[in-house]
C-alpha atoms as a PDB file:
ATOM      1  CA  MET A   1     -11.736   3.354  -3.030  1.00  0.00           C
ATOM      2  CA  THR A   2     -14.940   1.352  -2.635  1.00  0.00           C
ATOM      3  CA  ALA A   3     -14.963  -2.300  -3.531  1.00  0.00           C
ATOM      4  CA  MET A   4     -18.073  -3.810  -5.139  1.00  0.00           C
ATOM      5  CA  THR A   5     -17.375  -7.530  -5.233  1.00  0.00           C
ATOM      6  CA  ALA A   6     -18.331 -10.974  -4.139  1.00  0.00           C
ATOM      7  CA  VAL A   7     -16.208 -11.762  -1.074  1.00  0.00           C
ATOM      8  CA  THR A   8     -14.261 -14.953  -0.471  1.00  0.00           C
ATOM      9  CA  PRO A   9     -13.345 -15.595   3.177  1.00  0.00           C
ATOM     10  CA  ALA A  10      -9.817 -14.644   4.082  1.00  0.00           C
ATOM     11  CA  THR A  11      -7.412 -17.492   4.839  1.00  0.00           C
ATOM     12  CA  ALA A  12      -4.346 -17.672   7.049  1.00  0.00           C
ATOM     13  CA  ALA A  13      -1.148 -16.396   5.559  1.00  0.00           C
ATOM     14  CA  PRO A  14       1.668 -18.838   4.661  1.00  0.00           C
ATOM     15  CA  PRO A  15       5.042 -17.974   6.268  1.00  0.00           C
ATOM     16  CA  GLU A  16       6.879 -15.107   4.518  1.00  0.00           C
ATOM     17  CA  THR A  17       9.643 -17.583   3.569  1.00  0.00           C
ATOM     18  CA  ALA A  18       7.225 -19.904   1.721  1.00  0.00           C
ATOM     19  CA  ALA A  19       7.931 -20.502  -1.955  1.00  0.00           C
ATOM     20  CA  PRO A  20       6.114 -17.888  -4.036  1.00  0.00           C
ATOM     21  CA  PRO A  21       4.194 -18.519  -7.252  1.00  0.00           C
ATOM     22  CA  GLU A  22       6.259 -18.241 -10.399  1.00  0.00           C
ATOM     23  CA  THR A  23       5.157 -14.747 -11.347  1.00  0.00           C
ATOM     24  CA  ALA A  24       8.156 -12.526 -10.840  1.00  0.00           C
ATOM     25  CA  VAL A  25       9.779 -10.614 -13.677  1.00  0.00           C
ATOM     26  CA  HIS A  26      12.756  -9.376 -11.627  1.00  0.00           C
ATOM     27  CA  ALA A  27      15.118 -12.179 -10.504  1.00  0.00           C
ATOM     28  CA  GLN A  28      18.339 -10.232  -9.871  1.00  0.00           C
ATOM     29  CA  PRO A  29      19.424  -9.043  -6.382  1.00  0.00           C
ATOM     30  CA  LEU A  30      17.647  -5.840  -5.584  1.00  0.00           C
ATOM     31  CA  ARG A  31      19.144  -2.420  -4.823  1.00  0.00           C
ATOM     32  CA  PRO A  32      17.814  -0.969  -1.594  1.00  0.00           C
ATOM     33  CA  VAL A  33      14.760   1.299  -1.735  1.00  0.00           C
ATOM     34  CA  GLN A  34      14.493   4.382   0.381  1.00  0.00           C
ATOM     35  CA  ALA A  35      10.753   4.481   1.096  1.00  0.00           C
ATOM     36  CA  LEU A  36       7.819   2.200   1.702  1.00  0.00           C
ATOM     37  CA  LEU A  37       4.318   3.230   0.622  1.00  0.00           C
ATOM     38  CA  VAL A  38       1.629   1.196   2.490  1.00  0.00           C
ATOM     39  CA  VAL A  39      -1.533   1.676   0.482  1.00  0.00           C
ATOM     40  CA  ASP A  40      -4.974   1.646   2.181  1.00  0.00           C
ATOM     41  CA  VAL A  41      -4.258  -1.046   4.778  1.00  0.00           C
ATOM     42  CA  GLN A  42      -7.497  -0.036   6.461  1.00  0.00           C
ATOM     43  CA  SER A  43      -9.724  -2.185   8.566  1.00  0.00           C
ATOM     44  CA  ALA A  44     -12.583  -2.271   6.026  1.00  0.00           C
ATOM     45  CA  PHE A  45     -10.355  -4.089   3.578  1.00  0.00           C
ATOM     46  CA  VAL A  46      -8.217  -6.399   5.720  1.00  0.00           C
ATOM     47  CA  SER A  47     -10.466  -7.444   8.623  1.00  0.00           C
ATOM     48  CA  GLY A  48     -13.866  -8.993   9.201  1.00  0.00           C
ATOM     49  CA  ALA A  49     -16.156 -10.825   6.773  1.00  0.00           C
ATOM     50  CA  GLU A  50     -15.492  -8.340   3.947  1.00  0.00           C
ATOM     51  CA  ALA A  51     -11.702  -8.452   3.979  1.00  0.00           C
ATOM     52  CA  VAL A  52      -9.889  -9.226   0.769  1.00  0.00           C
ATOM     53  CA  PRO A  53      -9.361 -13.014   0.445  1.00  0.00           C
ATOM     54  CA  GLU A  54      -5.583 -12.777   1.037  1.00  0.00           C
ATOM     55  CA  ALA A  55      -5.775 -10.251   3.908  1.00  0.00           C
ATOM     56  CA  ALA A  56      -3.811 -12.388   6.309  1.00  0.00           C
ATOM     57  CA  ARG A  57      -0.926 -12.729   3.829  1.00  0.00           C
ATOM     58  CA  VAL A  58      -0.890  -9.036   2.987  1.00  0.00           C
ATOM     59  CA  LEU A  59      -0.880  -8.082   6.654  1.00  0.00           C
ATOM     60  CA  ASP A  60       1.926 -10.527   7.439  1.00  0.00           C
ATOM     61  CA  ARG A  61       4.078  -9.253   4.509  1.00  0.00           C
ATOM     62  CA  THR A  62       3.351  -5.641   5.316  1.00  0.00           C
ATOM     63  CA  ARG A  63       4.421  -6.102   8.888  1.00  0.00           C
ATOM     64  CA  GLY A  64       7.690  -7.537   7.657  1.00  0.00           C
ATOM     65  CA  LEU A  65       8.239  -4.696   5.285  1.00  0.00           C
ATOM     66  CA  LEU A  66       7.467  -2.126   7.935  1.00  0.00           C
ATOM     67  CA  ALA A  67       9.897  -3.679  10.394  1.00  0.00           C
ATOM     68  CA  ARG A  68      12.787  -3.716   7.931  1.00  0.00           C
ATOM     69  CA  ALA A  69      12.035  -0.185   6.654  1.00  0.00           C
ATOM     70  CA  ARG A  70      11.966   1.240  10.113  1.00  0.00           C
ATOM     71  CA  THR A  71      15.168  -0.507  11.080  1.00  0.00           C
ATOM     72  CA  ALA A  72      16.962   0.821   8.008  1.00  0.00           C
ATOM     73  CA  GLY A  73      15.722   4.420   8.569  1.00  0.00           C
ATOM     74  CA  ALA A  74      13.747   4.441   5.417  1.00  0.00           C
ATOM     75  CA  LEU A  75      10.782   6.783   4.896  1.00  0.00           C
ATOM     76  CA  VAL A  76       7.438   5.097   5.634  1.00  0.00           C
ATOM     77  CA  VAL A  77       4.208   6.574   4.298  1.00  0.00           C
ATOM     78  CA  HIS A  78       0.808   5.100   5.143  1.00  0.00           C
ATOM     79  CA  LEU A  79      -1.849   6.086   2.575  1.00  0.00           C
ATOM     80  CA  GLN A  80      -5.345   6.299   4.070  1.00  0.00           C
ATOM     81  CA  ASN A  81      -8.361   6.617   1.857  1.00  0.00           C
ATOM     82  CA  ASP A  82     -11.130   8.942   2.708  1.00  0.00           C
ATOM     83  CA  GLY A  83     -14.202   7.275   1.193  1.00  0.00           C
ATOM     84  CA  ALA A  84     -17.447   8.997   0.338  1.00  0.00           C
ATOM     85  CA  PRO A  85     -20.137   9.293   3.083  1.00  0.00           C
ATOM     86  CA  GLY A  86     -21.855   5.931   3.603  1.00  0.00           C
ATOM     87  CA  THR A  87     -18.942   3.833   2.259  1.00  0.00           C
ATOM     88  CA  VAL A  88     -16.970   1.387   4.319  1.00  0.00           C
ATOM     89  CA  ASP A  89     -13.941   3.669   4.434  1.00  0.00           C
ATOM     90  CA  ALA A  90     -15.747   6.951   5.181  1.00  0.00           C
ATOM     91  CA  PRO A  91     -13.558   9.037   7.461  1.00  0.00           C
ATOM     92  CA  HIS A  92     -13.779   8.386  11.123  1.00  0.00           C
ATOM     93  CA  THR A  93     -15.704   5.122  10.774  1.00  0.00           C
ATOM     94  CA  PRO A  94     -14.242   1.826  12.051  1.00  0.00           C
ATOM     95  CA  GLY A  95     -13.434   0.620   8.574  1.00  0.00           C
ATOM     96  CA  TRP A  96     -11.483   3.853   7.753  1.00  0.00           C
ATOM     97  CA  GLU A  97      -8.965   3.275  10.510  1.00  0.00           C
ATOM     98  CA  LEU A  98      -5.450   2.124   9.634  1.00  0.00           C
ATOM     99  CA  HIS A  99      -5.226  -1.495  10.645  1.00  0.00           C
ATOM    100  CA  LEU A 100      -1.576  -1.632  11.544  1.00  0.00           C
ATOM    101  CA  PRO A 101       0.003   0.697  14.177  1.00  0.00           C
ATOM    102  CA  VAL A 102       1.843   3.741  12.983  1.00  0.00           C
ATOM    103  CA  GLU A 103       5.101   4.538  14.798  1.00  0.00           C
ATOM    104  CA  PRO A 104       5.555   8.246  15.464  1.00  0.00           C
ATOM    105  CA  GLY A 105       8.652   9.905  14.105  1.00  0.00           C
ATOM    106  CA  PRO A 106      10.039  12.234  11.413  1.00  0.00           C
ATOM    107  CA  ARG A 107      10.403   9.309   8.948  1.00  0.00           C
ATOM    108  CA  GLU A 108       6.890   7.899   9.334  1.00  0.00           C
ATOM    109  CA  HIS A 109       3.787   9.762   8.012  1.00  0.00           C
ATOM    110  CA  VAL A 110       0.111   9.282   7.229  1.00  0.00           C
ATOM    111  CA  VAL A 111      -1.118  10.815   3.997  1.00  0.00           C
ATOM    112  CA  ARG A 112      -4.880  11.014   3.524  1.00  0.00           C
ATOM    113  CA  LYS A 113      -6.319  10.864  -0.004  1.00  0.00           C
ATOM    114  CA  THR A 114      -9.631  10.940  -1.832  1.00  0.00           C
ATOM    115  CA  GLU A 115      -8.551   9.388  -5.133  1.00  0.00           C
ATOM    116  CA  ASP A 116      -7.125   6.011  -6.059  1.00  0.00           C
ATOM    117  CA  ASP A 117      -3.799   7.746  -6.888  1.00  0.00           C
ATOM    118  CA  GLY A 118      -1.942   8.529  -3.625  1.00  0.00           C
ATOM    119  CA  PHE A 119      -0.234  11.428  -5.351  1.00  0.00           C
ATOM    120  CA  ALA A 120      -3.441  13.179  -6.460  1.00  0.00           C
ATOM    121  CA  ASP A 121      -4.003  16.387  -4.462  1.00  0.00           C
ATOM    122  CA  THR A 122      -1.903  15.202  -1.537  1.00  0.00           C
ATOM    123  CA  GLY A 123       1.500  15.977  -0.097  1.00  0.00           C
ATOM    124  CA  LEU A 124       2.964  12.616  -1.002  1.00  0.00           C
ATOM    125  CA  GLY A 125       5.152  13.857  -3.857  1.00  0.00           C
ATOM    126  CA  ALA A 126       6.546  16.753  -1.842  1.00  0.00           C
ATOM    127  CA  LEU A 127       7.260  14.393   1.094  1.00  0.00           C
ATOM    128  CA  LEU A 128       9.264  12.057  -1.052  1.00  0.00           C
ATOM    129  CA  ASP A 129      11.150  14.886  -2.770  1.00  0.00           C
ATOM    130  CA  ALA A 130      12.020  16.525   0.564  1.00  0.00           C
ATOM    131  CA  ALA A 131      13.669  13.304   1.722  1.00  0.00           C
ATOM    132  CA  GLY A 132      15.446  12.777  -1.617  1.00  0.00           C
ATOM    133  CA  VAL A 133      13.614   9.480  -2.256  1.00  0.00           C
ATOM    134  CA  ARG A 134      14.043   8.136  -5.762  1.00  0.00           C
ATOM    135  CA  GLU A 135      13.476   4.458  -5.098  1.00  0.00           C
ATOM    136  CA  LEU A 136      10.485   3.030  -3.298  1.00  0.00           C
ATOM    137  CA  ALA A 137       8.434  -0.086  -2.611  1.00  0.00           C
ATOM    138  CA  VAL A 138       4.616  -0.286  -2.715  1.00  0.00           C
ATOM    139  CA  CYS A 139       2.316  -2.690  -0.903  1.00  0.00           C
ATOM    140  CA  GLY A 140      -1.315  -2.852   0.179  1.00  0.00           C
ATOM    141  CA  VAL A 141      -4.776  -2.920  -1.350  1.00  0.00           C
ATOM    142  CA  LEU A 142      -6.557  -2.962  -3.775  1.00  0.00           C
ATOM    143  CA  SER A 143      -4.143  -4.266  -6.454  1.00  0.00           C
ATOM    144  CA  GLU A 144      -5.877  -2.896  -9.538  1.00  0.00           C
ATOM    145  CA  MET A 145      -7.078   0.304  -7.944  1.00  0.00           C
ATOM    146  CA  CYS A 146      -5.084   2.296  -5.426  1.00  0.00           C
ATOM    147  CA  VAL A 147      -1.902   0.170  -5.529  1.00  0.00           C
ATOM    148  CA  ALA A 148      -1.661   0.327  -9.298  1.00  0.00           C
ATOM    149  CA  ALA A 149      -2.705   3.963  -9.606  1.00  0.00           C
ATOM    150  CA  THR A 150      -0.110   5.068  -7.001  1.00  0.00           C
ATOM    151  CA  ALA A 151       2.648   2.860  -8.543  1.00  0.00           C
ATOM    152  CA  ARG A 152       1.872   4.126 -11.998  1.00  0.00           C
ATOM    153  CA  THR A 153       2.208   7.838 -10.968  1.00  0.00           C
ATOM    154  CA  ALA A 154       5.407   7.047  -9.042  1.00  0.00           C
ATOM    155  CA  LEU A 155       6.849   5.544 -12.242  1.00  0.00           C
ATOM    156  CA  ALA A 156       5.693   8.557 -14.278  1.00  0.00           C
ATOM    157  CA  LEU A 157       7.455  10.879 -11.824  1.00  0.00           C
ATOM    158  CA  GLY A 158      10.693   9.065 -12.375  1.00  0.00           C
ATOM    159  CA  HIS A 159      10.813   6.881  -9.266  1.00  0.00           C
ATOM    160  CA  ARG A 160      12.149   3.341  -9.289  1.00  0.00           C
ATOM    161  CA  VAL A 161       9.170   1.251  -8.055  1.00  0.00           C
ATOM    162  CA  VAL A 162       9.421  -2.247  -6.468  1.00  0.00           C
ATOM    163  CA  LEU A 163       6.175  -4.176  -6.120  1.00  0.00           C
ATOM    164  CA  PRO A 164       6.355  -7.394  -4.045  1.00  0.00           C
ATOM    165  CA  HIS A 165       3.892  -9.870  -5.558  1.00  0.00           C
ATOM    166  CA  ASP A 166       2.916 -11.352  -2.150  1.00  0.00           C
ATOM    167  CA  ALA A 167       2.332  -7.967  -0.493  1.00  0.00           C
ATOM    168  CA  HIS A 168      -0.746  -6.692  -2.371  1.00  0.00           C
ATOM    169  CA  ALA A 169      -4.192  -8.109  -2.875  1.00  0.00           C
ATOM    170  CA  THR A 170      -7.730  -7.447  -4.114  1.00  0.00           C
ATOM    171  CA  TYR A 171     -11.198  -8.984  -4.265  1.00  0.00           C
ATOM    172  CA  ASP A 172     -12.608 -11.597  -6.610  1.00  0.00           C
ATOM    173  CA  ILE A 173     -14.388 -10.030  -9.635  1.00  0.00           C
ATOM    174  CA  PRO A 174     -17.924 -11.420  -9.803  1.00  0.00           C
ATOM    175  CA  ALA A 175     -19.297 -12.887 -12.989  1.00  0.00           C
ATOM    176  CA  ALA A 176     -21.047 -10.512 -15.335  1.00  0.00           C
ATOM    177  CA  PRO A 177     -23.719 -11.845 -17.754  1.00  0.00           C
ATOM    178  CA  ASP A 178     -22.501 -11.803 -21.392  1.00  0.00           C
ATOM    179  CA  ILE A 179     -19.177 -10.372 -20.296  1.00  0.00           C
ATOM    180  CA  SER A 180     -17.158 -12.893 -18.287  1.00  0.00           C
ATOM    181  CA  ASP A 181     -17.143 -15.579 -15.681  1.00  0.00           C
ATOM    182  CA  ALA A 182     -15.971 -14.712 -12.208  1.00  0.00           C
ATOM    183  CA  VAL A 183     -12.284 -13.703 -12.028  1.00  0.00           C
ATOM    184  CA  PRO A 184     -10.332 -14.937  -8.936  1.00  0.00           C
ATOM    185  CA  ALA A 185      -8.660 -12.262  -6.875  1.00  0.00           C
ATOM    186  CA  ALA A 186      -5.194 -13.734  -7.550  1.00  0.00           C
ATOM    187  CA  MET A 187      -5.658 -13.347 -11.249  1.00  0.00           C
ATOM    188  CA  SER A 188      -6.855  -9.777 -10.869  1.00  0.00           C
ATOM    189  CA  SER A 189      -3.789  -8.947  -8.764  1.00  0.00           C
ATOM    190  CA  ARG A 190      -1.424 -10.536 -11.317  1.00  0.00           C
ATOM    191  CA  ALA A 191      -3.102  -8.643 -14.184  1.00  0.00           C
ATOM    192  CA  ALA A 192      -2.738  -5.381 -12.264  1.00  0.00           C
ATOM    193  CA  GLU A 193       1.017  -6.033 -11.908  1.00  0.00           C
ATOM    194  CA  TRP A 194       1.376  -6.856 -15.591  1.00  0.00           C
ATOM    195  CA  ALA A 195      -0.525  -3.762 -16.705  1.00  0.00           C
ATOM    196  CA  LEU A 196       2.071  -1.524 -15.002  1.00  0.00           C
ATOM    197  CA  GLY A 197       4.517  -2.369 -17.827  1.00  0.00           C
ATOM    198  CA  ASP A 198       8.198  -3.026 -18.038  1.00  0.00           C
ATOM    199  CA  GLU A 199       9.507  -0.335 -15.679  1.00  0.00           C
ATOM    200  CA  VAL A 200       8.057  -1.681 -12.423  1.00  0.00           C
ATOM    201  CA  GLU A 201      10.199  -4.308 -10.663  1.00  0.00           C
ATOM    202  CA  ILE A 202       7.955  -7.135  -9.554  1.00  0.00           C
ATOM    203  CA  VAL A 203       9.531  -9.509  -7.032  1.00  0.00           C
ATOM    204  CA  PRO A 204       8.081 -12.762  -5.679  1.00  0.00           C
ATOM    205  CA  ARG A 205       8.696 -12.140  -1.994  1.00  0.00           C
ATOM    206  CA  ALA A 206       8.388  -9.073   0.185  1.00  0.00           C
ATOM    207  CA  ALA A 207      11.186 -10.553   2.264  1.00  0.00           C
ATOM    208  CA  ALA A 208      13.625  -9.918  -0.584  1.00  0.00           C
ATOM    209  CA  VAL A 209      13.081  -6.133  -0.598  1.00  0.00           C
ATOM    210  CA  PRO A 210      16.024  -4.343   1.062  1.00  0.00           C
ATOM    211  CA  PHE A 211      15.800  -0.837   2.516  1.00  0.00           C
ATOM    212  CA  GLY A 212      18.136   2.036   3.093  1.00  0.00           C
ATOM    213  CA  ALA A 213      17.809   5.536   4.506  1.00  0.00           C
ATOM    214  CA  PRO A 214      16.955   8.410   2.135  1.00  0.00           C
ATOM    215  CA  PRO A 215      19.803  10.842   1.414  1.00  0.00           C
ATOM    216  CA  LEU A 216      18.267  14.013   2.865  1.00  0.00           C
ATOM    217  CA  ALA A 217      17.193  14.945   6.388  1.00  0.00           C
ATOM    218  CA  PRO A 218      13.605  14.049   7.198  1.00  0.00           C
ATOM    219  CA  ALA A 219      10.991  16.763   6.486  1.00  0.00           C
ATOM    220  CA  PRO A 220       9.653  18.631   9.466  1.00  0.00           C
ATOM    221  CA  ALA A 221       6.217  17.529  10.557  1.00  0.00           C
ATOM    222  CA  PRO A 222       3.495  19.918   9.259  1.00  0.00           C
ATOM    223  CA  ALA A 223       1.450  21.887  11.753  1.00  0.00           C
ATOM    224  CA  PRO A 224      -1.738  20.023  12.764  1.00  0.00           C
ATOM    225  CA  ASP A 225      -3.989  22.783  11.397  1.00  0.00           C
ATOM    226  CA  ALA A 226      -2.381  22.301   7.925  1.00  0.00           C
ATOM    227  CA  ALA A 227      -3.455  18.674   7.776  1.00  0.00           C
ATOM    228  CA  ALA A 228      -6.919  19.566   9.130  1.00  0.00           C
ATOM    229  CA  ALA A 229      -7.271  22.183   6.389  1.00  0.00           C
ATOM    230  CA  GLY A 230      -6.938  19.524   3.724  1.00  0.00           C
ATOM    231  CA  ALA A 231      -3.206  19.376   3.034  1.00  0.00           C
ATOM    232  CA  GLY A 232      -3.506  15.591   2.915  1.00  0.00           C
ATOM    233  CA  LEU A 233      -0.401  15.124   4.995  1.00  0.00           C
ATOM    234  CA  SER A 234      -0.084  14.525   8.699  1.00  0.00           C
ATOM    235  CA  PRO A 235       2.752  13.216  10.897  1.00  0.00           C
ATOM    236  CA  ALA A 236       2.398   9.871  12.513  1.00  0.00           C
ATOM    237  CA  ALA A 237       1.617  11.473  15.857  1.00  0.00           C
ATOM    238  CA  ARG A 238      -0.396   8.623  17.321  1.00  0.00           C
ATOM    239  CA  PRO A 239      -1.183   5.011  16.435  1.00  0.00           C
ATOM    240  CA  PRO A 240      -4.633   4.218  15.008  1.00  0.00           C
ATOM    241  CA  ALA A 241      -7.173   1.999  16.703  1.00  0.00           C
ATOM    242  CA  PRO A 242      -5.695  -1.425  17.593  1.00  0.00           C
ATOM    243  CA  ALA A 243      -5.963  -4.063  14.837  1.00  0.00           C
ATOM    244  CA  ARG A 244      -9.112  -6.135  15.229  1.00  0.00           C
END
């Protein structure tokens, strides 16, 4: 995932209890989900001058989701994009690092990927199946790219997918001559939600998403050499570099 956009400076996040925009399509009390997919919350996209405009909000909401998921014993999966050489998220560069700490344990994993879709050529599907996960929440960046692609495949695989409106974000789309004026990031994110269709459950606030433990025992952590060989799945054995 490589963003090619004009960048608007990030602003401070409003409190998680602040009134959301009127964009939700799901107003009923939610059933708990059994997993949280944190998509590409990497330093290149949520810190520094090139962060998405709503980086502070996404980080705040993601921290809240992580805390509740961990407390409930839900499965947590951090997706980490391996960008091409020379891109801001190329492996083992500062921008590639996960921005929020990962807590080691059998219910928290890091899955590396090379495509927008977190299921493509990775161990994500097998990890969810092994835990018996059928209902999950998705958050992160970028709304119309990796968040949407991962949510769409989860839906296609029969998962119930909850997408908190205030827990994903993207960049402004710059103007294109003879095509369109600039498109604000918030409009792009909303369009990405809408394009997922009727099956996704869009909720205004991340704070409204409840979690529960998956029905099956957590999968054993794969051997380190399996991840190194390109399995795309590694246990959360150590936290990433501290958030900057």
